[in-house]
Amino acid sequence: MICLLRSAGRKISPAVFLLCGILSVYGQESLRLTPDAAVEMAVKNNLSLESEKINLDTKRRASDYVWNRFVPSVDLSGTLARDNWASSQQGIDFSALPNLAPYSITLPQWHALGNVNVGLTLNFAMFAAIQSVKMDYQTGLLTYEKARLQMEREVRKTYNQILLLQANAALLEESFNLTKRQADIAEANYRAGLAPRLTWLQAQVAVENLKPTINETENGLKALKGSFALSLGLPYNSDFELEAFSGDDFYVPLDVAEMISKAASGKPDILELQKMIAQIQQARKATALQLHTPNLILSWGLSNTFLADPFKDNLGDPDNWRKGGTFSVTLGLRLNTFFPFTTEGQNLKDLDNTLSSLRIGLAQAIQGTELEIFTKINSLEKTRTSTEVQKAAVELAELSYRLTEEAYRAGLQDFQAVRSAAVALDQARLQLLTQQFNYISDLIDLEYAIGVPFGTLSSNRNGSFGSVK
C-alpha cells in the first residue's frame, strides 16, 4: 500500500506520518525495477563495490596530500638521566686572593636535557614521486570504474536471465493448462464412449509429469531473484517486478572494424593496463632519480642541558642551563647505486622487466579483445539468423498444434499426436526465448568490450524479450 497525503495548507500530524510508515511496511506494493534502476541500486549497496570505494578513497587522500613530503620532520624530546656513580669537580678558588685554596664540588647525579630537531631531505626524485602518486590515484579511478562496469554488466545480464526464467515459467504454465485441457477432453471422450480409458490415463500422466518441471523452474527463479535482490542491497525475499522489453526486431547492425577500433581505446581492461604501464614508468623514473642524484639535507637542532640538580635547584634560573644547537646543510650521494650488480641496480632491472611484461600483457589483451569482438559479432549474427528461423518455426508449431488439436477433438488423431505437437510448440517457443536472451547478453558483453555506456547497443534494439506468443 502506498500512502499519499495531500493537504491544502494544512499541517500533517506526526501520528499520520507514523501510520503511513506502518502501512508502508505491512502493505508495501511490489517494487518495479528497470535495468537502469537495478544498476543504480547495486552501485549504492553492493558490498564488493563498497570495498573498491574504500581503496579509491585511500589513493585519493594520498593524492590530495602529496605535498606533505615537503613538510619538515620535527622531533621534540626530553631526557631525565642519572649517573650510576657520583662525580666531582676540582679547581682553585681565585676569589680568595691572595690566599689561593683548592676546592672540590660533588656534581649532581641527575641531569635534564631537552632537544628539538628539524630536518628536511630534498632531491629531484621527490617531484617524480609526486607525479607517481597522482597517477596511482588516476589508475585507482580506472580500477573502480572497471569494477563498477563489471558489476553493471552482471546486473543487466542477471536481469535478463530472470526475464528468461519468468517467460519460461509462463510457457510451462501455459503448457500445463493446455495439457490439463487435453486431459479434460480425453475424460469427456472416454465417458462419451469416443476414446479408450488408456487415452484418458495417458493425458492425466502428462499433466502430472509437468508439475515437477514447473516446480523446479519456479524454485530456480526464486533462488535467482533472491541472489539478485541481495546484489541490489535488498532482503533476499523482496518482492519486485522487472520491466520487460517490447517490440519485435532484435537486429543491431554492427561493423567489426569499428567495434575493434573502439575497444582498443575504450575497453576498461585495456585502459587500466595502459595506465598501469604509465604509472610504473613514472615509478621507475622516480627510483632512478632517487639513486643517481644527490640528496640535499637541511637540519636544524636546539639542545638545552640543565647543569644543576633538577630536583633541588631552580629550573627557571637561566644560569643553570647550557644552550646548544646547530644548523647544517649536507649534500650527499650514494656511489654504489651506479653499479648494476648492487641491490639498487637490480631493483631498476626488476622494474624494467615488469614494464616489459606489462607491455606484452597489453598486446595480448588487445589481441584477445579483437578475437573476442570478432567472435561475439559472429555469434550475434548467427543468433539473429537463428532467431528469424525460430520465429518461423514457432508459427509452424502453433499451426501444427491447432490443426492436431482440432483433429483430436474430432477423433481423427490420438492423444500422443496432440501431445507431441504440444511438446514441439513448447520447445520452439523456449528455443526462441533462449536465442533472444543470448542476443541481449552478447550485446551487453560487446558494450563492455568496446567501452561504451550500457544500453548504447542493447537498448537501441526493439526486442520482444519475454513474450513469444
Protein backbone atom coordinates (compact mmCIF):
# COMPACT_ATOMS: atom_id res chain seq x y z
CA MET A 1 0.00 0.00 0.00
CA ILE A 2 1.30 3.45 -0.84
CA CYS A 3 0.22 6.25 1.44
CA LEU A 4 -0.37 9.52 -0.43
CA LEU A 5 -1.03 12.53 1.74
CA ARG A 6 -2.31 15.74 0.22
CA SER A 7 -3.27 18.78 2.21
CA ALA A 8 -4.16 22.30 1.15
CA GLY A 9 -2.16 24.48 3.51
CA ARG A 10 -2.74 22.18 6.49
CA LYS A 11 -0.08 20.59 8.69
CA ILE A 12 0.12 16.82 8.92
CA SER A 13 0.48 15.45 12.42
CA PRO A 14 3.36 13.09 13.36
CA ALA A 15 0.79 10.39 14.12
CA VAL A 16 -0.29 10.41 10.50
CA PHE A 17 3.31 10.00 9.39
CA LEU A 18 3.72 7.09 11.80
CA LEU A 19 0.56 5.47 10.47
CA CYS A 20 1.85 5.84 6.92
CA GLY A 21 5.14 4.23 7.92
CA ILE A 22 3.33 1.24 9.42
CA LEU A 23 1.12 0.87 6.37
CA SER A 24 4.12 1.11 4.06
CA VAL A 25 5.83 -1.75 5.91
CA TYR A 26 2.89 -4.11 6.08
CA GLY A 27 1.16 -3.14 2.86
CA GLN A 28 4.07 -2.38 0.56
CA GLU A 29 3.48 -2.83 -3.14
CA SER A 30 5.82 -4.85 -5.30
CA LEU A 31 8.93 -2.87 -6.28
CA ARG A 32 9.08 -2.19 -10.02
CA LEU A 33 12.57 -2.18 -11.49
CA THR A 34 14.10 -1.20 -14.79
CA PRO A 35 17.65 -2.21 -15.78
CA ASP A 36 18.91 1.31 -15.03
CA ALA A 37 17.18 1.41 -11.64
CA ALA A 38 18.61 -2.00 -10.71
CA VAL A 39 22.11 -0.84 -11.63
CA GLU A 40 21.69 2.35 -9.59
CA MET A 41 20.66 0.34 -6.52
CA ALA A 42 23.58 -2.07 -6.97
CA VAL A 43 26.08 0.80 -7.21
CA LYS A 44 24.80 2.23 -3.93
CA ASN A 45 24.53 -1.01 -1.99
CA ASN A 46 26.89 -3.61 -3.46
CA LEU A 47 29.43 -4.68 -0.81
CA SER A 48 32.26 -5.62 -3.18
CA LEU A 49 31.97 -2.23 -4.88
CA GLU A 50 31.99 -0.56 -1.46
CA SER A 51 35.38 -2.16 -0.80
CA GLU A 52 36.68 -0.68 -4.06
CA LYS A 53 35.40 2.73 -2.93
CA ILE A 54 37.46 2.46 0.26
CA ASN A 55 40.61 1.63 -1.72
CA LEU A 56 39.93 4.56 -4.04
CA ASP A 57 39.45 6.90 -1.08
CA THR A 58 42.87 5.86 0.26
CA LYS A 59 44.51 6.75 -3.04
CA ARG A 60 42.55 10.00 -3.29
CA ARG A 61 43.78 11.17 0.10
CA ALA A 62 47.35 10.26 -0.83
CA SER A 63 46.99 12.36 -3.98
CA ASP A 64 45.37 15.30 -2.18
CA TYR A 65 48.11 15.46 0.46
CA VAL A 66 51.05 14.52 -1.75
CA TRP A 67 52.63 17.89 -0.95
CA ASN A 68 53.18 16.79 2.66
CA ARG A 69 56.57 15.29 1.73
CA PHE A 70 57.86 18.89 1.78
CA VAL A 71 56.81 19.26 5.41
CA PRO A 72 59.96 19.06 7.57
CA SER A 73 60.22 16.40 10.21
CA VAL A 74 60.09 17.87 13.70
CA ASP A 75 61.30 15.85 16.70
CA LEU A 76 60.92 17.03 20.26
CA SER A 77 62.45 15.07 23.12
CA GLY A 78 63.14 15.47 26.81
CA THR A 79 65.50 13.28 28.80
CA LEU A 80 65.94 12.79 32.52
CA ALA A 81 69.09 10.77 33.30
CA ARG A 82 71.01 9.69 36.42
CA ASP A 83 74.70 8.83 36.61
CA ASN A 84 75.46 5.44 38.11
CA TRP A 85 78.36 6.90 40.11
CA ALA A 86 78.74 10.31 41.64
CA SER A 87 81.41 12.58 40.13
CA SER A 88 83.16 15.67 41.43
CA GLN A 89 84.73 18.80 40.01
CA GLN A 90 88.01 20.13 41.43
CA GLY A 91 89.67 23.54 40.97
CA ILE A 92 91.20 26.60 42.66
CA ASP A 93 89.15 29.35 44.20
CA PHE A 94 90.66 32.59 42.90
CA SER A 95 88.14 34.69 44.78
CA ALA A 96 90.14 34.15 47.99
CA LEU A 97 93.22 36.03 46.70
CA PRO A 98 95.92 36.47 47.85
CA ASN A 99 95.21 33.19 49.60
CA LEU A 100 94.53 30.54 46.92
CA ALA A 101 92.69 27.47 48.09
CA PRO A 102 91.77 24.34 46.17
CA TYR A 103 88.15 23.20 46.23
CA SER A 104 86.17 20.09 45.28
CA ILE A 105 82.44 20.06 44.33
CA THR A 106 80.30 16.95 44.07
CA LEU A 107 78.29 17.20 40.83
CA PRO A 108 74.60 16.22 40.80
CA GLN A 109 73.87 12.70 39.54
CA TRP A 110 70.56 13.73 37.91
CA HIS A 111 70.57 15.58 34.57
CA ALA A 112 67.76 17.09 32.45
CA LEU A 113 68.10 17.58 28.68
CA GLY A 114 65.73 18.96 26.06
CA ASN A 115 66.19 18.67 22.29
CA VAL A 116 64.40 20.00 19.21
CA ASN A 117 65.43 18.72 15.76
CA VAL A 118 64.01 19.86 12.42
CA GLY A 119 65.09 18.12 9.23
CA LEU A 120 64.19 18.11 5.55
CA THR A 121 65.65 16.00 2.75
CA LEU A 122 65.27 17.28 -0.80
CA ASN A 123 66.06 15.58 -4.11
CA PHE A 124 64.85 15.50 -7.69
CA ALA A 125 63.09 12.18 -7.08
CA MET A 126 60.51 13.88 -4.87
CA PHE A 127 58.95 15.67 -7.83
CA ALA A 128 58.77 12.47 -9.88
CA ALA A 129 57.28 10.65 -6.88
CA ILE A 130 54.56 13.29 -6.57
CA GLN A 131 53.53 12.63 -10.15
CA SER A 132 53.64 8.89 -9.48
CA VAL A 133 51.20 9.25 -6.55
CA LYS A 134 48.80 11.28 -8.68
CA MET A 135 48.98 8.66 -11.43
CA ASP A 136 48.27 5.96 -8.86
CA TYR A 137 45.03 7.76 -7.99
CA GLN A 138 44.12 8.00 -11.66
CA THR A 139 44.77 4.27 -12.01
CA GLY A 140 42.55 3.73 -8.97
CA LEU A 141 39.77 5.65 -10.68
CA LEU A 142 40.02 3.34 -13.68
CA THR A 143 40.12 0.26 -11.45
CA TYR A 144 37.00 1.39 -9.62
CA GLU A 145 35.25 2.20 -12.89
CA LYS A 146 36.15 -1.21 -14.27
CA ALA A 147 34.76 -2.91 -11.16
CA ARG A 148 31.59 -0.83 -11.44
CA LEU A 149 31.16 -1.68 -15.12
CA GLN A 150 31.74 -5.37 -14.46
CA MET A 151 29.13 -5.28 -11.72
CA GLU A 152 26.72 -3.41 -14.00
CA ARG A 153 27.27 -5.98 -16.73
CA GLU A 154 26.43 -8.82 -14.35
CA VAL A 155 23.36 -7.00 -13.01
CA ARG A 156 22.00 -6.42 -16.51
CA LYS A 157 22.69 -10.00 -17.60
CA THR A 158 21.07 -11.38 -14.44
CA TYR A 159 18.12 -9.06 -15.03
CA ASN A 160 17.67 -10.58 -18.48
CA GLN A 161 18.16 -14.09 -17.14
CA ILE A 162 15.33 -13.54 -14.67
CA LEU A 163 13.12 -12.38 -17.54
CA LEU A 164 14.06 -15.54 -19.44
CA LEU A 165 13.13 -17.78 -16.50
CA GLN A 166 9.89 -15.87 -15.96
CA ALA A 167 8.99 -16.30 -19.63
CA ASN A 168 9.95 -19.97 -19.42
CA ALA A 169 7.77 -20.37 -16.33
CA ALA A 170 4.90 -18.68 -18.18
CA LEU A 171 5.35 -21.09 -21.09
CA LEU A 172 5.33 -24.05 -18.74
CA GLU A 173 2.20 -22.74 -17.07
CA GLU A 174 0.53 -22.33 -20.44
CA SER A 175 1.67 -25.82 -21.44
CA PHE A 176 0.24 -27.16 -18.18
CA ASN A 177 -3.11 -25.50 -18.89
CA LEU A 178 -3.14 -26.90 -22.43
CA THR A 179 -2.30 -30.39 -21.16
CA LYS A 180 -4.97 -30.10 -18.50
CA ARG A 181 -7.46 -29.12 -21.17
CA GLN A 182 -6.41 -32.10 -23.25
CA ALA A 183 -6.92 -34.32 -20.22
CA ASP A 184 -10.41 -32.88 -19.75
CA ILE A 185 -11.18 -33.57 -23.43
CA ALA A 186 -9.86 -37.14 -23.05
CA GLU A 187 -12.04 -37.67 -20.00
CA ALA A 188 -15.10 -36.31 -21.78
CA ASN A 189 -14.44 -38.52 -24.82
CA TYR A 190 -13.92 -41.54 -22.59
CA ARG A 191 -17.15 -41.01 -20.74
CA ALA A 192 -18.95 -40.48 -24.06
CA GLY A 193 -17.51 -43.74 -25.34
CA LEU A 194 -15.43 -41.97 -28.05
CA ALA A 195 -11.99 -42.84 -26.64
CA PRO A 196 -10.48 -45.68 -24.61
CA ARG A 197 -9.66 -45.33 -20.92
CA LEU A 198 -5.94 -45.61 -21.77
CA THR A 199 -6.08 -42.26 -23.59
CA TRP A 200 -7.57 -40.63 -20.52
CA LEU A 201 -4.87 -42.14 -18.28
CA GLN A 202 -2.13 -41.01 -20.64
CA ALA A 203 -3.47 -37.46 -20.54
CA GLN A 204 -3.53 -37.50 -16.73
CA VAL A 205 0.07 -38.80 -16.63
CA ALA A 206 1.15 -35.96 -18.94
CA VAL A 207 -0.42 -33.44 -16.55
CA GLU A 208 1.37 -34.92 -13.54
CA ASN A 209 4.70 -35.10 -15.38
CA LEU A 210 4.67 -31.34 -15.93
CA LYS A 211 4.31 -30.49 -12.23
CA PRO A 212 7.92 -31.35 -11.18
CA THR A 213 9.29 -29.34 -14.12
CA ILE A 214 7.17 -26.34 -13.16
CA ASN A 215 8.24 -26.61 -9.51
CA GLU A 216 11.91 -26.86 -10.47
CA THR A 217 11.65 -23.81 -12.71
CA GLU A 218 9.85 -21.81 -10.04
CA ASN A 219 12.46 -22.76 -7.41
CA GLY A 220 15.28 -21.79 -9.76
CA LEU A 221 13.59 -18.48 -10.47
CA LYS A 222 13.07 -17.86 -6.75
CA ALA A 223 16.75 -18.56 -5.99
CA LEU A 224 17.94 -16.31 -8.82
CA LYS A 225 15.65 -13.48 -7.71
CA GLY A 226 16.89 -13.84 -4.13
CA SER A 227 20.53 -13.62 -5.24
CA PHE A 228 19.68 -10.66 -7.46
CA ALA A 229 17.93 -8.87 -4.59
CA LEU A 230 20.97 -9.31 -2.33
CA SER A 231 23.26 -7.86 -5.01
CA LEU A 232 21.00 -4.77 -5.04
CA GLY A 233 21.16 -4.40 -1.27
CA LEU A 234 17.60 -5.68 -0.75
CA PRO A 235 16.41 -8.53 1.51
CA TYR A 236 16.59 -11.88 -0.26
CA ASN A 237 12.81 -12.29 -0.10
CA SER A 238 11.99 -8.87 -1.58
CA ASP A 239 9.08 -8.78 -3.98
CA PHE A 240 9.93 -6.95 -7.18
CA GLU A 241 8.81 -6.84 -10.78
CA LEU A 242 11.10 -6.37 -13.76
CA GLU A 243 10.14 -4.25 -16.73
CA ALA A 244 10.15 -6.43 -19.85
CA PHE A 245 11.28 -5.35 -23.30
CA SER A 246 8.81 -4.69 -26.07
CA GLY A 247 8.97 -4.81 -29.85
CA ASP A 248 9.84 -7.37 -32.50
CA ASP A 249 13.18 -6.50 -34.08
CA PHE A 250 16.35 -7.81 -32.41
CA TYR A 251 18.75 -6.85 -35.17
CA VAL A 252 21.51 -4.32 -34.45
CA PRO A 253 23.81 -3.50 -37.39
CA LEU A 254 27.46 -3.89 -36.31
CA ASP A 255 30.76 -3.19 -38.04
CA VAL A 256 33.65 -5.42 -36.92
CA ALA A 257 36.44 -2.96 -37.74
CA GLU A 258 34.65 -0.11 -36.00
CA MET A 259 33.99 -2.22 -32.90
CA ILE A 260 37.64 -3.33 -32.69
CA SER A 261 38.81 0.26 -33.05
CA LYS A 262 36.55 1.37 -30.20
CA ALA A 263 37.67 -1.49 -27.98
CA ALA A 264 41.36 -0.66 -28.40
CA SER A 265 40.73 2.80 -26.97
CA GLY A 266 37.76 2.26 -24.68
CA LYS A 267 37.72 -1.19 -23.06
CA PRO A 268 38.18 -0.79 -19.28
CA ASP A 269 40.68 -3.65 -19.02
CA ILE A 270 42.90 -2.14 -21.72
CA LEU A 271 42.68 1.36 -20.28
CA GLU A 272 43.67 0.03 -16.87
CA LEU A 273 46.71 -1.77 -18.30
CA GLN A 274 47.81 1.34 -20.17
CA LYS A 275 47.52 3.41 -17.01
CA MET A 276 49.46 0.83 -15.01
CA ILE A 277 52.29 0.90 -17.57
CA ALA A 278 52.47 4.70 -17.40
CA GLN A 279 52.45 4.57 -13.59
CA ILE A 280 55.32 2.05 -13.40
CA GLN A 281 57.29 4.10 -15.93
CA GLN A 282 56.90 7.08 -13.62
CA ALA A 283 57.87 4.97 -10.59
CA ARG A 284 60.96 3.76 -12.46
CA LYS A 285 61.90 7.38 -13.22
CA ALA A 286 61.47 8.35 -9.55
CA THR A 287 63.61 5.40 -8.42
CA ALA A 288 66.40 6.27 -10.88
CA LEU A 289 66.43 9.87 -9.70
CA GLN A 290 66.48 8.72 -6.09
CA LEU A 291 69.54 6.54 -6.75
CA HIS A 292 71.53 8.67 -9.18
CA THR A 293 71.04 12.24 -7.95
CA PRO A 294 72.37 13.78 -4.72
CA ASN A 295 70.30 14.46 -1.62
CA LEU A 296 70.20 17.88 -0.03
CA ILE A 297 69.65 17.53 3.72
CA LEU A 298 68.68 20.56 5.76
CA SER A 299 68.86 20.15 9.52
CA TRP A 300 68.42 22.45 12.49
CA GLY A 301 68.76 21.39 16.11
CA LEU A 302 68.45 23.02 19.52
CA SER A 303 69.53 21.39 22.80
CA ASN A 304 69.30 22.63 26.39
CA THR A 305 71.08 20.95 29.29
CA PHE A 306 70.30 21.66 32.97
CA LEU A 307 73.62 21.80 34.77
CA ALA A 308 72.31 21.67 38.34
CA ASP A 309 70.18 19.09 40.17
CA PRO A 310 66.67 19.18 38.61
CA PHE A 311 65.13 18.02 41.92
CA LYS A 312 66.79 20.56 44.19
CA ASP A 313 67.78 23.63 42.14
CA ASN A 314 65.67 26.24 40.40
CA LEU A 315 64.66 25.12 36.90
CA GLY A 316 63.76 28.69 35.99
CA ASP A 317 67.24 30.10 36.62
CA PRO A 318 68.84 30.68 33.19
CA ASP A 319 72.32 30.37 34.73
CA ASN A 320 71.63 26.69 35.37
CA TRP A 321 71.03 25.95 31.66
CA ARG A 322 73.55 25.44 28.90
CA LYS A 323 72.20 26.09 25.39
CA GLY A 324 73.48 24.46 22.23
CA GLY A 325 72.39 23.74 18.69
CA THR A 326 73.43 23.68 15.04
CA PHE A 327 72.14 24.32 11.56
CA SER A 328 73.61 22.16 8.83
CA VAL A 329 73.35 21.76 5.08
CA THR A 330 74.51 18.39 3.76
CA LEU A 331 74.89 17.31 0.15
CA GLY A 332 75.32 13.57 -0.25
CA LEU A 333 75.40 10.97 -2.99
CA ARG A 334 75.47 7.21 -2.64
CA LEU A 335 78.02 5.88 -5.12
CA ASN A 336 77.25 2.16 -5.09
CA THR A 337 73.87 2.83 -6.74
CA PHE A 338 75.71 3.44 -10.02
CA PHE A 339 76.83 -0.19 -10.23
CA PRO A 340 74.27 -2.53 -11.86
CA PHE A 341 75.21 -5.56 -9.71
CA THR A 342 74.16 -3.83 -6.46
CA THR A 343 70.74 -4.28 -4.87
CA GLU A 344 69.66 -0.84 -6.07
CA GLY A 345 70.78 -1.54 -9.62
CA GLN A 346 68.93 -4.85 -9.65
CA ASN A 347 65.77 -3.11 -8.45
CA LEU A 348 65.85 -0.95 -11.57
CA LYS A 349 66.28 -4.06 -13.71
CA ASP A 350 63.27 -5.62 -11.98
CA LEU A 351 61.18 -2.56 -12.83
CA ASP A 352 62.32 -2.78 -16.45
CA ASN A 353 61.26 -6.44 -16.59
CA THR A 354 57.90 -5.57 -15.02
CA LEU A 355 57.34 -2.95 -17.71
CA SER A 356 58.23 -5.44 -20.44
CA SER A 357 55.80 -7.99 -19.01
CA LEU A 358 53.01 -5.41 -18.82
CA ARG A 359 53.60 -4.31 -22.40
CA ILE A 360 53.36 -7.93 -23.53
CA GLY A 361 50.19 -8.32 -21.44
CA LEU A 362 48.75 -5.21 -23.08
CA ALA A 363 49.48 -6.57 -26.55
CA GLN A 364 47.87 -9.88 -25.59
CA ALA A 365 44.85 -8.08 -24.15
CA ILE A 366 44.39 -6.12 -27.38
CA GLN A 367 44.70 -9.29 -29.48
CA GLY A 368 42.31 -11.13 -27.17
CA THR A 369 39.82 -8.27 -27.39
CA GLU A 370 39.98 -8.27 -31.17
CA LEU A 371 39.27 -12.00 -31.20
CA GLU A 372 36.54 -11.58 -28.58
CA ILE A 373 34.77 -8.90 -30.61
CA PHE A 374 35.11 -10.83 -33.85
CA THR A 375 33.69 -13.94 -32.19
CA LYS A 376 30.95 -12.01 -30.40
CA ILE A 377 29.76 -10.26 -33.57
CA ASN A 378 29.72 -13.58 -35.44
CA SER A 379 27.72 -15.06 -32.57
CA LEU A 380 25.29 -12.14 -32.71
CA GLU A 381 24.82 -12.57 -36.44
CA LYS A 382 24.30 -16.30 -36.00
CA THR A 383 21.81 -15.69 -33.20
CA ARG A 384 19.94 -13.12 -35.28
CA THR A 385 19.64 -15.55 -38.18
CA SER A 386 18.61 -18.36 -35.85
CA THR A 387 16.03 -16.10 -34.24
CA GLU A 388 14.40 -15.31 -37.58
CA VAL A 389 14.30 -19.02 -38.43
CA GLN A 390 12.99 -19.86 -34.97
CA LYS A 391 10.16 -17.33 -35.30
CA ALA A 392 9.01 -19.16 -38.40
CA ALA A 393 9.38 -22.46 -36.55
CA VAL A 394 7.17 -21.16 -33.72
CA GLU A 395 4.49 -20.10 -36.20
CA LEU A 396 4.59 -23.53 -37.85
CA ALA A 397 4.49 -25.29 -34.48
CA GLU A 398 1.47 -23.20 -33.42
CA LEU A 399 -0.34 -24.04 -36.66
CA SER A 400 0.56 -27.73 -36.30
CA TYR A 401 -0.71 -27.79 -32.74
CA ARG A 402 -4.02 -26.10 -33.60
CA LEU A 403 -4.68 -28.49 -36.50
CA THR A 404 -3.68 -31.54 -34.44
CA GLU A 405 -5.91 -30.49 -31.54
CA GLU A 406 -8.86 -29.94 -33.90
CA ALA A 407 -8.30 -33.40 -35.35
CA TYR A 408 -8.02 -34.80 -31.81
CA ARG A 409 -11.33 -33.23 -30.88
CA ALA A 410 -12.89 -34.78 -33.97
CA GLY A 411 -11.42 -38.18 -33.11
CA LEU A 412 -9.08 -38.22 -36.13
CA GLN A 413 -5.85 -38.12 -34.05
CA ASP A 414 -4.88 -39.92 -30.87
CA PHE A 415 -3.61 -38.29 -27.70
CA GLN A 416 0.06 -38.98 -28.45
CA ALA A 417 -0.15 -36.96 -31.64
CA VAL A 418 -1.62 -33.89 -29.97
CA ARG A 419 0.84 -34.27 -27.08
CA SER A 420 3.77 -34.44 -29.48
CA ALA A 421 2.53 -31.32 -31.22
CA ALA A 422 2.27 -29.50 -27.87
CA VAL A 423 5.81 -30.55 -26.86
CA ALA A 424 7.16 -29.36 -30.21
CA LEU A 425 5.45 -26.00 -29.72
CA ASP A 426 6.90 -25.63 -26.21
CA GLN A 427 10.37 -26.47 -27.45
CA ALA A 428 10.11 -24.00 -30.32
CA ARG A 429 8.97 -21.19 -28.02
CA LEU A 430 11.67 -21.94 -25.45
CA GLN A 431 14.32 -22.04 -28.15
CA LEU A 432 13.20 -18.63 -29.40
CA LEU A 433 13.36 -17.21 -25.87
CA THR A 434 16.86 -18.63 -25.42
CA GLN A 435 18.03 -17.11 -28.70
CA GLN A 436 16.67 -13.72 -27.66
CA PHE A 437 18.35 -13.97 -24.26
CA ASN A 438 21.69 -14.93 -25.86
CA TYR A 439 21.45 -11.99 -28.25
CA ILE A 440 20.89 -9.45 -25.49
CA SER A 441 23.62 -10.98 -23.29
CA ASP A 442 26.10 -10.85 -26.17
CA LEU A 443 25.19 -7.21 -26.81
CA ILE A 444 25.87 -6.38 -23.15
CA ASP A 445 29.26 -8.15 -23.33
CA LEU A 446 30.04 -6.26 -26.52
CA GLU A 447 29.18 -2.93 -24.90
CA TYR A 448 31.65 -3.68 -22.11
CA ALA A 449 34.32 -4.81 -24.59
CA ILE A 450 34.19 -1.63 -26.69
CA GLY A 451 33.87 0.66 -23.67
CA VAL A 452 30.55 2.34 -24.47
CA PRO A 453 27.79 3.01 -21.92
CA PHE A 454 25.47 0.07 -21.35
CA GLY A 455 22.32 0.47 -23.37
CA THR A 456 24.12 2.01 -26.34
CA LEU A 457 23.51 -1.21 -28.29
CA SER A 458 21.24 -3.31 -26.09
CA SER A 459 18.63 -0.56 -25.72
CA ASN A 460 18.65 0.56 -29.35
CA ARG A 461 17.23 -2.75 -30.50
CA ASN A 462 13.50 -3.25 -30.02
CA GLY A 463 13.42 -6.78 -28.67
CA SER A 464 10.26 -8.58 -27.58
CA PHE A 465 12.05 -10.49 -24.89
CA GLY A 466 9.64 -12.10 -22.50
CA SER A 467 6.79 -12.53 -24.97
CA VAL A 468 6.77 -15.02 -27.84
CA LYS A 469 3.07 -15.73 -28.15
